[in-house]
C-alpha atoms as a PDB file:
ATOM      1  CA  MET A   1      18.499-246.540  45.691  1.00  0.00           C
ATOM      2  CA  LEU A   2      19.332-243.829  48.213  1.00  0.00           C
ATOM      3  CA  PHE A   3      20.294-245.145  51.637  1.00  0.00           C
ATOM      4  CA  VAL A   4      19.123-242.786  54.381  1.00  0.00           C
ATOM      5  CA  ARG A   5      21.222-243.293  57.493  1.00  0.00           C
ATOM      6  CA  PRO A   6      19.470-242.240  60.717  1.00  0.00           C
ATOM      7  CA  PRO A   7      21.298-240.265  63.435  1.00  0.00           C
ATOM      8  CA  VAL A   8      22.330-243.137  65.697  1.00  0.00           C
ATOM      9  CA  ALA A   9      24.469-240.906  67.955  1.00  0.00           C
ATOM     10  CA  ALA A  10      21.692-238.373  68.604  1.00  0.00           C
ATOM     11  CA  GLY A  11      20.491-238.514  72.182  1.00  0.00           C
ATOM     12  CA  ARG A  12      23.766-240.130  73.256  1.00  0.00           C
ATOM     13  CA  PHE A  13      26.686-238.035  72.028  1.00  0.00           C
ATOM     14  CA  TYR A  14      24.709-234.883  71.241  1.00  0.00           C
ATOM     15  CA  ASP A  15      21.177-233.661  71.826  1.00  0.00           C
ATOM     16  CA  LEU A  16      18.314-235.261  69.954  1.00  0.00           C
ATOM     17  CA  GLU A  17      16.222-232.061  69.728  1.00  0.00           C
ATOM     18  CA  LYS A  18      17.156-229.570  67.000  1.00  0.00           C
ATOM     19  CA  ASP A  19      16.977-226.389  69.087  1.00  0.00           C
ATOM     20  CA  LYS A  20      18.814-227.929  72.021  1.00  0.00           C
ATOM     21  CA  LEU A  21      21.491-229.246  69.667  1.00  0.00           C
ATOM     22  CA  ARG A  22      22.006-225.775  68.214  1.00  0.00           C
ATOM     23  CA  ARG A  23      22.429-224.386  71.723  1.00  0.00           C
ATOM     24  CA  GLN A  24      24.845-227.205  72.541  1.00  0.00           C
ATOM     25  CA  ILE A  25      26.961-226.322  69.506  1.00  0.00           C
ATOM     26  CA  ASP A  26      26.817-222.596  70.324  1.00  0.00           C
ATOM     27  CA  VAL A  27      28.138-223.345  73.812  1.00  0.00           C
ATOM     28  CA  ALA A  28      30.970-225.407  72.302  1.00  0.00           C
ATOM     29  CA  PHE A  29      32.026-222.523  70.054  1.00  0.00           C
ATOM     30  CA  ARG A  30      31.831-220.032  72.929  1.00  0.00           C
ATOM     31  CA  HIS A  31      34.228-222.173  74.930  1.00  0.00           C
ATOM     32  CA  ALA A  32      36.500-223.128  72.039  1.00  0.00           C
ATOM     33  CA  ASP A  33      39.267-220.775  73.181  1.00  0.00           C
ATOM     34  CA  ASP A  34      39.184-221.912  76.820  1.00  0.00           C
ATOM     35  CA  GLY A  35      42.592-223.403  77.477  1.00  0.00           C
ATOM     36  CA  ALA A  36      43.427-223.417  73.767  1.00  0.00           C
ATOM     37  CA  LYS A  37      47.080-223.739  72.750  1.00  0.00           C
ATOM     38  CA  SER A  38      46.651-221.483  69.735  1.00  0.00           C
ATOM     39  CA  LYS A  39      44.683-218.243  69.908  1.00  0.00           C
ATOM     40  CA  GLY A  40      45.532-217.331  66.333  1.00  0.00           C
ATOM     41  CA  ARG A  41      43.626-218.185  63.164  1.00  0.00           C
ATOM     42  CA  PRO A  42      45.761-219.892  60.519  1.00  0.00           C
ATOM     43  CA  LYS A  43      45.219-218.714  56.964  1.00  0.00           C
ATOM     44  CA  LEU A  44      42.366-220.853  55.737  1.00  0.00           C
ATOM     45  CA  GLN A  45      43.655-221.205  52.207  1.00  0.00           C
ATOM     46  CA  LYS A  46      46.564-223.173  53.671  1.00  0.00           C
ATOM     47  CA  ILE A  47      44.457-225.588  55.688  1.00  0.00           C
ATOM     48  CA  ARG A  48      44.419-229.121  54.293  1.00  0.00           C
ATOM     49  CA  GLY A  49      42.777-230.914  57.184  1.00  0.00           C
ATOM     50  CA  GLY A  50      42.838-231.668  60.867  1.00  0.00           C
ATOM     51  CA  ILE A  51      42.133-233.947  63.795  1.00  0.00           C
ATOM     52  CA  VAL A  52      39.024-233.604  65.950  1.00  0.00           C
ATOM     53  CA  PRO A  53      37.535-235.655  68.816  1.00  0.00           C
ATOM     54  CA  HIS A  54      34.259-237.562  68.731  1.00  0.00           C
ATOM     55  CA  ALA A  55      33.138-237.902  72.347  1.00  0.00           C
ATOM     56  CA  GLY A  56      29.956-236.467  73.795  1.00  0.00           C
ATOM     57  CA  TYR A  57      29.712-232.753  73.136  1.00  0.00           C
ATOM     58  CA  GLU A  58      29.660-231.945  76.850  1.00  0.00           C
ATOM     59  CA  TYR A  59      33.143-233.477  77.100  1.00  0.00           C
ATOM     60  CA  SER A  60      34.896-232.735  73.806  1.00  0.00           C
ATOM     61  CA  GLY A  61      32.647-230.285  71.964  1.00  0.00           C
ATOM     62  CA  SER A  62      34.744-227.207  72.673  1.00  0.00           C
ATOM     63  CA  VAL A  63      37.887-229.017  71.491  1.00  0.00           C
ATOM     64  CA  ALA A  64      36.239-229.930  68.174  1.00  0.00           C
ATOM     65  CA  ALA A  65      34.786-226.417  67.895  1.00  0.00           C
ATOM     66  CA  LYS A  66      38.281-224.917  68.017  1.00  0.00           C
ATOM     67  CA  PHE A  67      39.008-226.591  64.676  1.00  0.00           C
ATOM     68  CA  TYR A  68      35.595-225.955  63.131  1.00  0.00           C
ATOM     69  CA  SER A  69      35.763-222.270  64.065  1.00  0.00           C
ATOM     70  CA  LEU A  70      38.490-221.949  61.422  1.00  0.00           C
ATOM     71  CA  LEU A  71      35.913-222.642  58.710  1.00  0.00           C
ATOM     72  CA  ALA A  72      33.924-219.478  59.369  1.00  0.00           C
ATOM     73  CA  GLU A  73      35.740-217.038  57.086  1.00  0.00           C
ATOM     74  CA  LYS A  74      36.307-218.893  53.798  1.00  0.00           C
ATOM     75  CA  PRO A  75      34.531-222.211  53.992  1.00  0.00           C
ATOM     76  CA  VAL A  76      35.780-225.379  52.363  1.00  0.00           C
ATOM     77  CA  ARG A  77      32.504-227.185  51.888  1.00  0.00           C
ATOM     78  CA  ASN A  78      33.632-230.738  51.154  1.00  0.00           C
ATOM     79  CA  CYS A  79      35.221-233.065  53.689  1.00  0.00           C
ATOM     80  CA  ILE A  80      36.669-236.549  53.727  1.00  0.00           C
ATOM     81  CA  ILE A  81      36.010-237.695  57.291  1.00  0.00           C
ATOM     82  CA  ILE A  82      37.989-240.726  58.468  1.00  0.00           C
ATOM     83  CA  GLY A  83      36.962-242.355  61.731  1.00  0.00           C
ATOM     84  CA  PRO A  84      37.632-245.570  63.602  1.00  0.00           C
ATOM     85  CA  ASN A  85      35.340-248.550  63.322  1.00  0.00           C
ATOM     86  CA  HIS A  86      34.906-249.158  67.046  1.00  0.00           C
ATOM     87  CA  ASN A  87      32.808-252.302  66.567  1.00  0.00           C
ATOM     88  CA  MET A  88      35.297-253.905  64.159  1.00  0.00           C
ATOM     89  CA  PHE A  89      32.502-255.235  61.917  1.00  0.00           C
ATOM     90  CA  GLY A  90      32.788-255.318  58.135  1.00  0.00           C
ATOM     91  CA  TYR A  91      35.676-254.403  55.861  1.00  0.00           C
ATOM     92  CA  ARG A  92      38.865-252.964  57.314  1.00  0.00           C
ATOM     93  CA  PHE A  93      38.598-249.817  55.144  1.00  0.00           C
ATOM     94  CA  ALA A  94      34.972-249.016  54.367  1.00  0.00           C
ATOM     95  CA  THR A  95      33.108-246.176  52.692  1.00  0.00           C
ATOM     96  CA  MET A  96      29.544-245.641  51.460  1.00  0.00           C
ATOM     97  CA  LYS A  97      27.786-244.489  48.304  1.00  0.00           C
ATOM     98  CA  ASN A  98      24.268-243.345  47.447  1.00  0.00           C
ATOM     99  CA  SER A  99      23.605-242.241  50.999  1.00  0.00           C
ATOM    100  CA  LEU A 100      22.227-239.331  52.975  1.00  0.00           C
ATOM    101  CA  TRP A 101      23.221-239.064  56.624  1.00  0.00           C
ATOM    102  CA  LYS A 102      20.547-237.495  58.799  1.00  0.00           C
ATOM    103  CA  THR A 103      21.027-235.494  61.988  1.00  0.00           C
ATOM    104  CA  PRO A 104      18.532-233.308  63.870  1.00  0.00           C
ATOM    105  CA  LEU A 105      19.889-230.390  61.800  1.00  0.00           C
ATOM    106  CA  GLY A 106      19.136-231.929  58.396  1.00  0.00           C
ATOM    107  CA  GLY A 107      20.763-234.250  55.894  1.00  0.00           C
ATOM    108  CA  ALA A 108      24.373-234.502  54.698  1.00  0.00           C
ATOM    109  CA  ALA A 109      24.903-236.116  51.297  1.00  0.00           C
ATOM    110  CA  VAL A 110      27.835-238.312  50.338  1.00  0.00           C
ATOM    111  CA  HIS A 111      29.929-236.954  47.441  1.00  0.00           C
ATOM    112  CA  GLU A 112      29.598-239.674  44.813  1.00  0.00           C
ATOM    113  CA  PRO A 113      32.386-238.599  42.388  1.00  0.00           C
ATOM    114  CA  MET A 114      34.944-238.490  45.198  1.00  0.00           C
ATOM    115  CA  VAL A 115      33.944-241.958  46.402  1.00  0.00           C
ATOM    116  CA  ASP A 116      34.385-243.236  42.840  1.00  0.00           C
ATOM    117  CA  ALA A 117      37.820-241.581  42.577  1.00  0.00           C
ATOM    118  CA  LEU A 118      38.940-243.074  45.888  1.00  0.00           C
ATOM    119  CA  MET A 119      37.719-246.524  44.912  1.00  0.00           C
ATOM    120  CA  ARG A 120      39.715-246.338  41.686  1.00  0.00           C
ATOM    121  CA  GLY A 121      42.829-245.174  43.515  1.00  0.00           C
ATOM    122  CA  CYS A 122      42.831-247.466  46.552  1.00  0.00           C
ATOM    123  CA  GLU A 123      42.138-251.178  46.271  1.00  0.00           C
ATOM    124  CA  LEU A 124      41.989-251.415  50.078  1.00  0.00           C
ATOM    125  CA  LEU A 125      38.805-249.333  50.186  1.00  0.00           C
ATOM    126  CA  GLN A 126      35.483-251.163  49.904  1.00  0.00           C
ATOM    127  CA  ILE A 127      31.828-250.155  49.843  1.00  0.00           C
ATOM    128  CA  ASP A 128      30.352-251.510  53.061  1.00  0.00           C
ATOM    129  CA  VAL A 129      27.429-250.117  55.045  1.00  0.00           C
ATOM    130  CA  THR A 130      28.013-252.402  58.039  1.00  0.00           C
ATOM    131  CA  PRO A 131      30.844-250.464  59.755  1.00  0.00           C
ATOM    132  CA  HIS A 132      28.892-247.203  59.452  1.00  0.00           C
ATOM    133  CA  GLN A 133      25.468-248.245  60.674  1.00  0.00           C
ATOM    134  CA  ASN A 134      26.079-247.914  64.416  1.00  0.00           C
ATOM    135  CA  GLU A 135      29.344-245.984  64.390  1.00  0.00           C
ATOM    136  CA  HIS A 136      29.397-242.508  65.957  1.00  0.00           C
ATOM    137  CA  SER A 137      32.900-241.245  65.130  1.00  0.00           C
ATOM    138  CA  ILE A 138      31.996-239.725  61.753  1.00  0.00           C
ATOM    139  CA  GLU A 139      28.398-238.798  62.521  1.00  0.00           C
ATOM    140  CA  VAL A 140      29.260-236.524  65.458  1.00  0.00           C
ATOM    141  CA  GLN A 141      31.242-234.275  63.100  1.00  0.00           C
ATOM    142  CA  LEU A 142      28.247-233.557  60.871  1.00  0.00           C
ATOM    143  CA  PRO A 143      26.284-231.201  63.181  1.00  0.00           C
ATOM    144  CA  PHE A 144      29.367-228.977  63.464  1.00  0.00           C
ATOM    145  CA  LEU A 145      29.591-228.800  59.668  1.00  0.00           C
ATOM    146  CA  GLN A 146      25.833-228.284  59.371  1.00  0.00           C
ATOM    147  CA  SER A 147      26.030-225.437  61.861  1.00  0.00           C
ATOM    148  CA  ARG A 148      28.407-223.709  59.440  1.00  0.00           C
ATOM    149  CA  PHE A 149      27.002-224.644  56.045  1.00  0.00           C
ATOM    150  CA  GLY A 150      23.500-226.032  56.561  1.00  0.00           C
ATOM    151  CA  ASP A 151      23.048-228.794  53.984  1.00  0.00           C
ATOM    152  CA  ASP A 152      25.341-226.999  51.520  1.00  0.00           C
ATOM    153  CA  PHE A 153      28.282-229.367  51.784  1.00  0.00           C
ATOM    154  CA  LYS A 154      29.120-232.951  50.893  1.00  0.00           C
ATOM    155  CA  PHE A 155      31.396-235.466  52.491  1.00  0.00           C
ATOM    156  CA  VAL A 156      32.940-238.908  52.176  1.00  0.00           C
ATOM    157  CA  PRO A 157      32.849-241.241  55.192  1.00  0.00           C
ATOM    158  CA  ILE A 158      35.700-243.711  55.668  1.00  0.00           C
ATOM    159  CA  ALA A 159      35.776-246.109  58.613  1.00  0.00           C
ATOM    160  CA  ILE A 160      38.982-247.917  59.555  1.00  0.00           C
ATOM    161  CA  ALA A 161      39.102-251.008  61.755  1.00  0.00           C
ATOM    162  CA  ASN A 162      42.239-250.312  63.797  1.00  0.00           C
ATOM    163  CA  GLU A 163      44.415-253.246  64.755  1.00  0.00           C
ATOM    164  CA  LEU A 164      46.989-252.200  67.355  1.00  0.00           C
ATOM    165  CA  GLY A 165      50.205-254.153  66.971  1.00  0.00           C
ATOM    166  CA  ASP A 166      49.563-255.059  63.329  1.00  0.00           C
ATOM    167  CA  PRO A 167      52.659-253.739  61.494  1.00  0.00           C
ATOM    168  CA  SER A 168      50.775-253.626  58.200  1.00  0.00           C
ATOM    169  CA  MET A 169      48.501-250.844  59.488  1.00  0.00           C
ATOM    170  CA  LEU A 170      51.118-248.152  58.933  1.00  0.00           C
ATOM    171  CA  ASP A 171      51.655-249.008  55.269  1.00  0.00           C
ATOM    172  CA  ALA A 172      47.956-249.588  54.598  1.00  0.00           C
ATOM    173  CA  CYS A 173      46.888-246.259  56.099  1.00  0.00           C
ATOM    174  CA  GLN A 174      49.669-244.434  54.265  1.00  0.00           C
ATOM    175  CA  LYS A 175      48.438-245.970  50.996  1.00  0.00           C
ATOM    176  CA  LEU A 176      44.924-244.757  51.752  1.00  0.00           C
ATOM    177  CA  GLY A 177      46.282-241.280  52.508  1.00  0.00           C
ATOM    178  CA  SER A 178      48.179-241.201  49.222  1.00  0.00           C
ATOM    179  CA  ALA A 179      45.030-242.207  47.335  1.00  0.00           C
ATOM    180  CA  ILE A 180      43.064-239.476  49.084  1.00  0.00           C
ATOM    181  CA  ALA A 181      45.652-236.860  48.124  1.00  0.00           C
ATOM    182  CA  GLU A 182      45.638-238.014  44.495  1.00  0.00           C
ATOM    183  CA  ALA A 183      41.827-237.900  44.343  1.00  0.00           C
ATOM    184  CA  VAL A 184      41.742-234.428  45.909  1.00  0.00           C
ATOM    185  CA  HIS A 185      44.347-233.196  43.418  1.00  0.00           C
ATOM    186  CA  GLY A 186      42.111-234.482  40.621  1.00  0.00           C
ATOM    187  CA  SER A 187      38.947-232.858  41.944  1.00  0.00           C
ATOM    188  CA  LYS A 188      37.595-229.512  40.825  1.00  0.00           C
ATOM    189  CA  ASP A 189      36.363-228.883  44.376  1.00  0.00           C
ATOM    190  CA  ASP A 190      38.212-227.858  47.530  1.00  0.00           C
ATOM    191  CA  TRP A 191      38.505-230.544  50.200  1.00  0.00           C
ATOM    192  CA  LEU A 192      39.462-230.980  53.827  1.00  0.00           C
ATOM    193  CA  VAL A 193      40.716-234.301  55.200  1.00  0.00           C
ATOM    194  CA  ILE A 194      39.572-234.796  58.784  1.00  0.00           C
ATOM    195  CA  ALA A 195      40.575-237.545  61.202  1.00  0.00           C
ATOM    196  CA  SER A 196      38.049-238.245  63.950  1.00  0.00           C
ATOM    197  CA  SER A 197      39.813-239.604  67.018  1.00  0.00           C
ATOM    198  CA  ASP A 198      39.913-239.409  70.780  1.00  0.00           C
ATOM    199  CA  PHE A 199      43.245-239.970  72.500  1.00  0.00           C
ATOM    200  CA  SER A 200      43.971-241.747  75.819  1.00  0.00           C
ATOM    201  CA  HIS A 201      41.118-243.722  77.333  1.00  0.00           C
ATOM    202  CA  TYR A 202      40.399-244.273  81.028  1.00  0.00           C
ATOM    203  CA  VAL A 203      43.801-243.524  82.510  1.00  0.00           C
ATOM    204  CA  PRO A 204      44.833-240.990  85.173  1.00  0.00           C
ATOM    205  CA  GLN A 205      45.161-237.387  84.014  1.00  0.00           C
ATOM    206  CA  ASN A 206      48.974-237.322  84.274  1.00  0.00           C
ATOM    207  CA  VAL A 207      49.280-240.527  82.212  1.00  0.00           C
ATOM    208  CA  ALA A 208      46.948-239.160  79.551  1.00  0.00           C
ATOM    209  CA  GLU A 209      48.870-235.909  79.294  1.00  0.00           C
ATOM    210  CA  GLU A 210      52.232-237.694  79.024  1.00  0.00           C
ATOM    211  CA  THR A 211      51.085-240.270  76.470  1.00  0.00           C
ATOM    212  CA  ASP A 212      49.029-237.895  74.359  1.00  0.00           C
ATOM    213  CA  GLY A 213      51.789-235.298  74.473  1.00  0.00           C
ATOM    214  CA  ALA A 214      54.236-237.800  72.983  1.00  0.00           C
ATOM    215  CA  LEU A 215      51.801-238.689  70.196  1.00  0.00           C
ATOM    216  CA  LEU A 216      51.025-235.058  69.446  1.00  0.00           C
ATOM    217  CA  LYS A 217      54.718-234.243  69.064  1.00  0.00           C
ATOM    218  CA  ALA A 218      54.894-236.803  66.255  1.00  0.00           C
ATOM    219  CA  ILE A 219      51.631-235.579  64.756  1.00  0.00           C
ATOM    220  CA  VAL A 220      52.641-231.922  64.494  1.00  0.00           C
ATOM    221  CA  LYS A 221      55.859-233.091  62.790  1.00  0.00           C
ATOM    222  CA  LEU A 222      53.716-235.041  60.297  1.00  0.00           C
ATOM    223  CA  ASN A 223      55.811-238.107  61.026  1.00  0.00           C
ATOM    224  CA  GLU A 224      53.551-241.130  60.579  1.00  0.00           C
ATOM    225  CA  LYS A 225      56.265-243.679  61.389  1.00  0.00           C
ATOM    226  CA  MET A 226      57.209-241.993  64.665  1.00  0.00           C
ATOM    227  CA  PHE A 227      53.539-241.691  65.580  1.00  0.00           C
ATOM    228  CA  PHE A 228      52.823-245.357  64.850  1.00  0.00           C
ATOM    229  CA  GLU A 229      55.879-246.493  66.799  1.00  0.00           C
ATOM    230  CA  ARG A 230      54.890-244.430  69.814  1.00  0.00           C
ATOM    231  CA  VAL A 231      51.327-245.731  69.709  1.00  0.00           C
ATOM    232  CA  ASN A 232      52.640-249.290  69.923  1.00  0.00           C
ATOM    233  CA  GLU A 233      55.526-248.657  72.331  1.00  0.00           C
ATOM    234  CA  MET A 234      53.301-246.801  74.789  1.00  0.00           C
ATOM    235  CA  ASN A 235      50.271-249.047  74.204  1.00  0.00           C
ATOM    236  CA  ALA A 236      48.437-245.775  73.691  1.00  0.00           C
ATOM    237  CA  GLY A 237      44.663-245.790  73.912  1.00  0.00           C
ATOM    238  CA  ILE A 238      44.065-243.600  70.872  1.00  0.00           C
ATOM    239  CA  CYS A 239      41.057-245.123  69.120  1.00  0.00           C
ATOM    240  CA  GLY A 240      41.628-243.499  65.733  1.00  0.00           C
ATOM    241  CA  PHE A 241      45.323-244.026  65.121  1.00  0.00           C
ATOM    242  CA  GLY A 242      44.580-245.392  61.628  1.00  0.00           C
ATOM    243  CA  PRO A 243      42.536-242.332  60.601  1.00  0.00           C
ATOM    244  CA  VAL A 244      45.275-240.076  61.988  1.00  0.00           C
ATOM    245  CA  ILE A 245      47.968-241.836  59.935  1.00  0.00           C
ATOM    246  CA  ALA A 246      45.880-241.688  56.756  1.00  0.00           C
ATOM    247  CA  THR A 247      45.149-238.001  57.315  1.00  0.00           C
ATOM    248  CA  MET A 248      48.792-237.142  57.969  1.00  0.00           C
ATOM    249  CA  ALA A 249      49.848-238.985  54.823  1.00  0.00           C
ATOM    250  CA  ALA A 250      47.183-237.212  52.770  1.00  0.00           C
ATOM    251  CA  VAL A 251      47.774-233.653  53.966  1.00  0.00           C
ATOM    252  CA  LYS A 252      51.533-234.025  53.586  1.00  0.00           C
ATOM    253  CA  LYS A 253      51.096-234.903  49.904  1.00  0.00           C
ATOM    254  CA  LEU A 254      48.649-231.999  49.616  1.00  0.00           C
ATOM    255  CA  GLY A 255      51.369-229.584  50.721  1.00  0.00           C
ATOM    256  CA  ALA A 256      51.101-229.353  54.503  1.00  0.00           C
ATOM    257  CA  LYS A 257      54.470-228.924  56.206  1.00  0.00           C
ATOM    258  CA  LYS A 258      53.428-229.271  59.839  1.00  0.00           C
ATOM    259  CA  GLY A 259      50.503-229.488  62.200  1.00  0.00           C
ATOM    260  CA  THR A 260      49.439-227.012  64.852  1.00  0.00           C
ATOM    261  CA  LEU A 261      47.928-228.157  68.133  1.00  0.00           C
ATOM    262  CA  LEU A 262      44.915-225.926  68.673  1.00  0.00           C
ATOM    263  CA  LYS A 263      43.558-227.353  71.920  1.00  0.00           C
ATOM    264  CA  TYR A 264      44.030-230.291  74.257  1.00  0.00           C
ATOM    265  CA  ALA A 265      41.731-231.277  77.106  1.00  0.00           C
ATOM    266  CA  THR A 266      40.491-234.344  78.924  1.00  0.00           C
ATOM    267  CA  SER A 267      37.127-235.437  80.235  1.00  0.00           C
ATOM    268  CA  GLY A 268      38.450-234.382  83.632  1.00  0.00           C
ATOM    269  CA  ASN A 269      38.197-230.758  82.565  1.00  0.00           C
ATOM    270  CA  ALA A 270      34.434-231.269  82.283  1.00  0.00           C
ATOM    271  CA  THR A 271      33.848-233.586  85.240  1.00  0.00           C
ATOM    272  CA  ASN A 272      36.627-232.508  87.656  1.00  0.00           C
ATOM    273  CA  GLU A 273      37.382-236.212  88.080  1.00  0.00           C
ATOM    274  CA  TYR A 274      40.959-236.994  87.126  1.00  0.00           C
ATOM    275  CA  ASP A 275      41.514-240.615  88.138  1.00  0.00           C
ATOM    276  CA  SER A 276      40.194-242.007  84.847  1.00  0.00           C
ATOM    277  CA  VAL A 277      40.003-239.631  81.892  1.00  0.00           C
ATOM    278  CA  VAL A 278      39.744-239.591  78.098  1.00  0.00           C
ATOM    279  CA  GLY A 279      42.001-237.247  76.123  1.00  0.00           C
ATOM    280  CA  TYR A 280      40.873-234.944  73.318  1.00  0.00           C
ATOM    281  CA  ALA A 281      42.880-232.848  70.849  1.00  0.00           C
ATOM    282  CA  SER A 282      42.198-230.634  67.879  1.00  0.00           C
ATOM    283  CA  VAL A 283      45.006-230.208  65.367  1.00  0.00           C
ATOM    284  CA  VAL A 284      45.070-228.282  62.109  1.00  0.00           C
ATOM    285  CA  PHE A 285      47.296-229.093  59.132  1.00  0.00           C
END
């Protein structure tokens, strides 16, 4: 039986009305280069994945759009999207099958063969609807993809329940990344591996920039161990550190040599309030 997942983030993280949502996404793409670190366009055939934020579009939409703008020329239509399980319900590593995720722009179908391949390759991964039902981190990526491809793409959702300070998280997320790379290698389709994560949460602007800068230096080096150590040493408020580790591990095995920081911003850039901000980054591998 097909499970139709409603758009639980619509009206909260992005606009509920179709036309207004399209305008919201258009604005994000128009402002994607504002303050961007990289004005260039990496060769798309070399892109294996990236990191994008998942806050409200008015805060982080232009940062996410900087990554998604790279898909315009030669689209890769299938994505494995890994996001944090903010509510911490259900299995630690959870995916879904037989499901269609709805947004105001249409429906996005889960890629069944890839889910099957991942399940065979990673015993940590379980089928579990619970972590996905009220989670926004993966859903907010879908309208950006739909704006590029309509309904002509498929994806795999993976939610990770992050546990800061748990030393087993590094190894577990690396194992998931290795399984993703093996499944992608065995697929006849082209795939992107995308980590959905915001960075620092509710700290002063200067603290966010310092902490996030240290994490991003490890990320662009594709050094999962350094990244994980810095997350714990700095007690960093990055909500999707597990998805980031899994993505780094996957893209490295898929041939990526480094990451490129495309854009960094904070909520303060949108609100002009810098005492308590959330950090956002888009990175391409």
